Amino acid sequence: MDEPTRITFAASLPPITSAISLDGNGDGARMKLDVPASDVGAMLLLQHHGAGRVLRVTIEFEGETNQKRYQREPKRNKTE
């Protein structure tokens, strides 16, 4: 399998407190992303080709219409 030069996928920050965590020593940070099922194949490529390597990450914001597509629905009570 040829090594890809770019892996592209849609993602959003999850609605959790630890979506972005800063290191207590000031040495860096950790970010978590939610990826829709339609882009899970890109995650497999990333794991295969990116593990143990330094990655350059670029964030591009999609238009308002596409952005709403990946927002989670609010949680509902089990009694509803």
C-alpha atoms as a PDB file:
ATOM      1  CA  MET A   1       0.000   0.000   0.000  1.00  0.00           C
ATOM      2  CA  ASP A   2       1.366   3.413  -0.974  1.00  0.00           C
ATOM      3  CA  GLU A   3       1.809   5.847   1.866  1.00  0.00           C
ATOM      4  CA  PRO A   4      -0.662   8.748   1.629  1.00  0.00           C
ATOM      5  CA  THR A   5       0.744  12.276   1.788  1.00  0.00           C
ATOM      6  CA  ARG A   6      -2.511  13.611   3.270  1.00  0.00           C
ATOM      7  CA  ILE A   7      -5.397  12.028   5.174  1.00  0.00           C
ATOM      8  CA  THR A   8      -8.555  14.123   5.274  1.00  0.00           C
ATOM      9  CA  PHE A   9     -11.605  13.556   7.474  1.00  0.00           C
ATOM     10  CA  ALA A  10     -14.424  15.464   9.137  1.00  0.00           C
ATOM     11  CA  ALA A  11     -14.298  15.867  12.913  1.00  0.00           C
ATOM     12  CA  SER A  12     -15.607  17.940  15.790  1.00  0.00           C
ATOM     13  CA  LEU A  13     -14.593  18.552  19.373  1.00  0.00           C
ATOM     14  CA  PRO A  14     -16.679  16.352  21.662  1.00  0.00           C
ATOM     15  CA  PRO A  15     -18.923  18.074  24.211  1.00  0.00           C
ATOM     16  CA  ILE A  16     -16.795  16.933  27.164  1.00  0.00           C
ATOM     17  CA  THR A  17     -14.672  18.840  29.659  1.00  0.00           C
ATOM     18  CA  SER A  18     -11.497  17.039  28.586  1.00  0.00           C
ATOM     19  CA  ALA A  19     -11.844  17.772  24.836  1.00  0.00           C
ATOM     20  CA  ILE A  20      -8.673  19.867  25.168  1.00  0.00           C
ATOM     21  CA  SER A  21      -6.340  19.172  28.090  1.00  0.00           C
ATOM     22  CA  LEU A  22      -3.197  21.166  28.873  1.00  0.00           C
ATOM     23  CA  ASP A  23      -0.171  19.453  30.403  1.00  0.00           C
ATOM     24  CA  GLY A  24       0.429  20.483  34.024  1.00  0.00           C
ATOM     25  CA  ASN A  25       4.127  21.105  33.340  1.00  0.00           C
ATOM     26  CA  GLY A  26       3.378  23.294  30.324  1.00  0.00           C
ATOM     27  CA  ASP A  27       4.968  20.740  27.989  1.00  0.00           C
ATOM     28  CA  GLY A  28       2.016  20.404  25.610  1.00  0.00           C
ATOM     29  CA  ALA A  29      -1.635  19.535  25.231  1.00  0.00           C
ATOM     30  CA  ARG A  30      -3.967  16.721  24.178  1.00  0.00           C
ATOM     31  CA  MET A  31      -7.013  17.083  21.953  1.00  0.00           C
ATOM     32  CA  LYS A  32      -9.842  14.607  21.399  1.00  0.00           C
ATOM     33  CA  LEU A  33     -11.967  14.575  18.247  1.00  0.00           C
ATOM     34  CA  ASP A  34     -15.252  12.918  17.317  1.00  0.00           C
ATOM     35  CA  VAL A  35     -15.174  11.437  13.808  1.00  0.00           C
ATOM     36  CA  PRO A  36     -18.376  10.349  12.041  1.00  0.00           C
ATOM     37  CA  ALA A  37     -18.716   6.705  10.968  1.00  0.00           C
ATOM     38  CA  SER A  38     -18.441   7.788   7.329  1.00  0.00           C
ATOM     39  CA  ASP A  39     -14.789   8.814   7.950  1.00  0.00           C
ATOM     40  CA  VAL A  40     -13.603   5.942  10.154  1.00  0.00           C
ATOM     41  CA  GLY A  41     -11.568   4.547   7.238  1.00  0.00           C
ATOM     42  CA  ALA A  42      -9.359   7.635   7.470  1.00  0.00           C
ATOM     43  CA  MET A  43      -8.727   6.809  11.137  1.00  0.00           C
ATOM     44  CA  LEU A  44      -7.459   3.361  10.138  1.00  0.00           C
ATOM     45  CA  LEU A  45      -5.086   4.967   7.614  1.00  0.00           C
ATOM     46  CA  LEU A  46      -3.929   7.415  10.274  1.00  0.00           C
ATOM     47  CA  GLN A  47      -3.258   4.613  12.748  1.00  0.00           C
ATOM     48  CA  HIS A  48      -1.386   2.556  10.143  1.00  0.00           C
ATOM     49  CA  HIS A  49       0.788   5.310   8.688  1.00  0.00           C
ATOM     50  CA  GLY A  50       0.914   7.856  11.517  1.00  0.00           C
ATOM     51  CA  ALA A  51       1.665   5.821  14.637  1.00  0.00           C
ATOM     52  CA  GLY A  52       4.939   6.950  16.211  1.00  0.00           C
ATOM     53  CA  ARG A  53       5.430   9.780  13.709  1.00  0.00           C
ATOM     54  CA  VAL A  54       5.218  13.543  14.060  1.00  0.00           C
ATOM     55  CA  LEU A  55       2.139  14.873  12.246  1.00  0.00           C
ATOM     56  CA  ARG A  56       1.427  18.403  11.000  1.00  0.00           C
ATOM     57  CA  VAL A  57      -2.198  19.251  11.745  1.00  0.00           C
ATOM     58  CA  THR A  58      -4.193  21.928   9.902  1.00  0.00           C
ATOM     59  CA  ILE A  59      -7.697  22.853  11.023  1.00  0.00           C
ATOM     60  CA  GLU A  60     -10.136  24.191   8.434  1.00  0.00           C
ATOM     61  CA  PHE A  61     -13.626  25.284   9.437  1.00  0.00           C
ATOM     62  CA  GLU A  62     -16.481  24.091   7.256  1.00  0.00           C
ATOM     63  CA  GLY A  63     -19.477  26.272   6.396  1.00  0.00           C
ATOM     64  CA  GLU A  64     -22.325  26.633   8.879  1.00  0.00           C
ATOM     65  CA  THR A  65     -24.471  24.097   6.987  1.00  0.00           C
ATOM     66  CA  ASN A  66     -21.850  21.338   7.177  1.00  0.00           C
ATOM     67  CA  GLN A  67     -20.829  22.236  10.717  1.00  0.00           C
ATOM     68  CA  LYS A  68     -24.325  21.578  12.079  1.00  0.00           C
ATOM     69  CA  ARG A  69     -24.241  18.089  10.514  1.00  0.00           C
ATOM     70  CA  TYR A  70     -21.633  16.928  13.037  1.00  0.00           C
ATOM     71  CA  GLN A  71     -23.081  18.487  16.167  1.00  0.00           C
ATOM     72  CA  ARG A  72     -24.480  15.978  18.626  1.00  0.00           C
ATOM     73  CA  GLU A  73     -28.137  15.851  19.480  1.00  0.00           C
ATOM     74  CA  PRO A  74     -28.848  16.835  23.112  1.00  0.00           C
ATOM     75  CA  LYS A  75     -29.158  13.904  25.492  1.00  0.00           C
ATOM     76  CA  ARG A  76     -32.717  13.046  26.433  1.00  0.00           C
ATOM     77  CA  ASN A  77     -34.029  11.634  29.700  1.00  0.00           C
ATOM     78  CA  LYS A  78     -34.946   7.934  29.555  1.00  0.00           C
ATOM     79  CA  THR A  79     -38.443   8.888  30.681  1.00  0.00           C
ATOM     80  CA  GLU A  80     -39.099  10.970  27.517  1.00  0.00           C
END
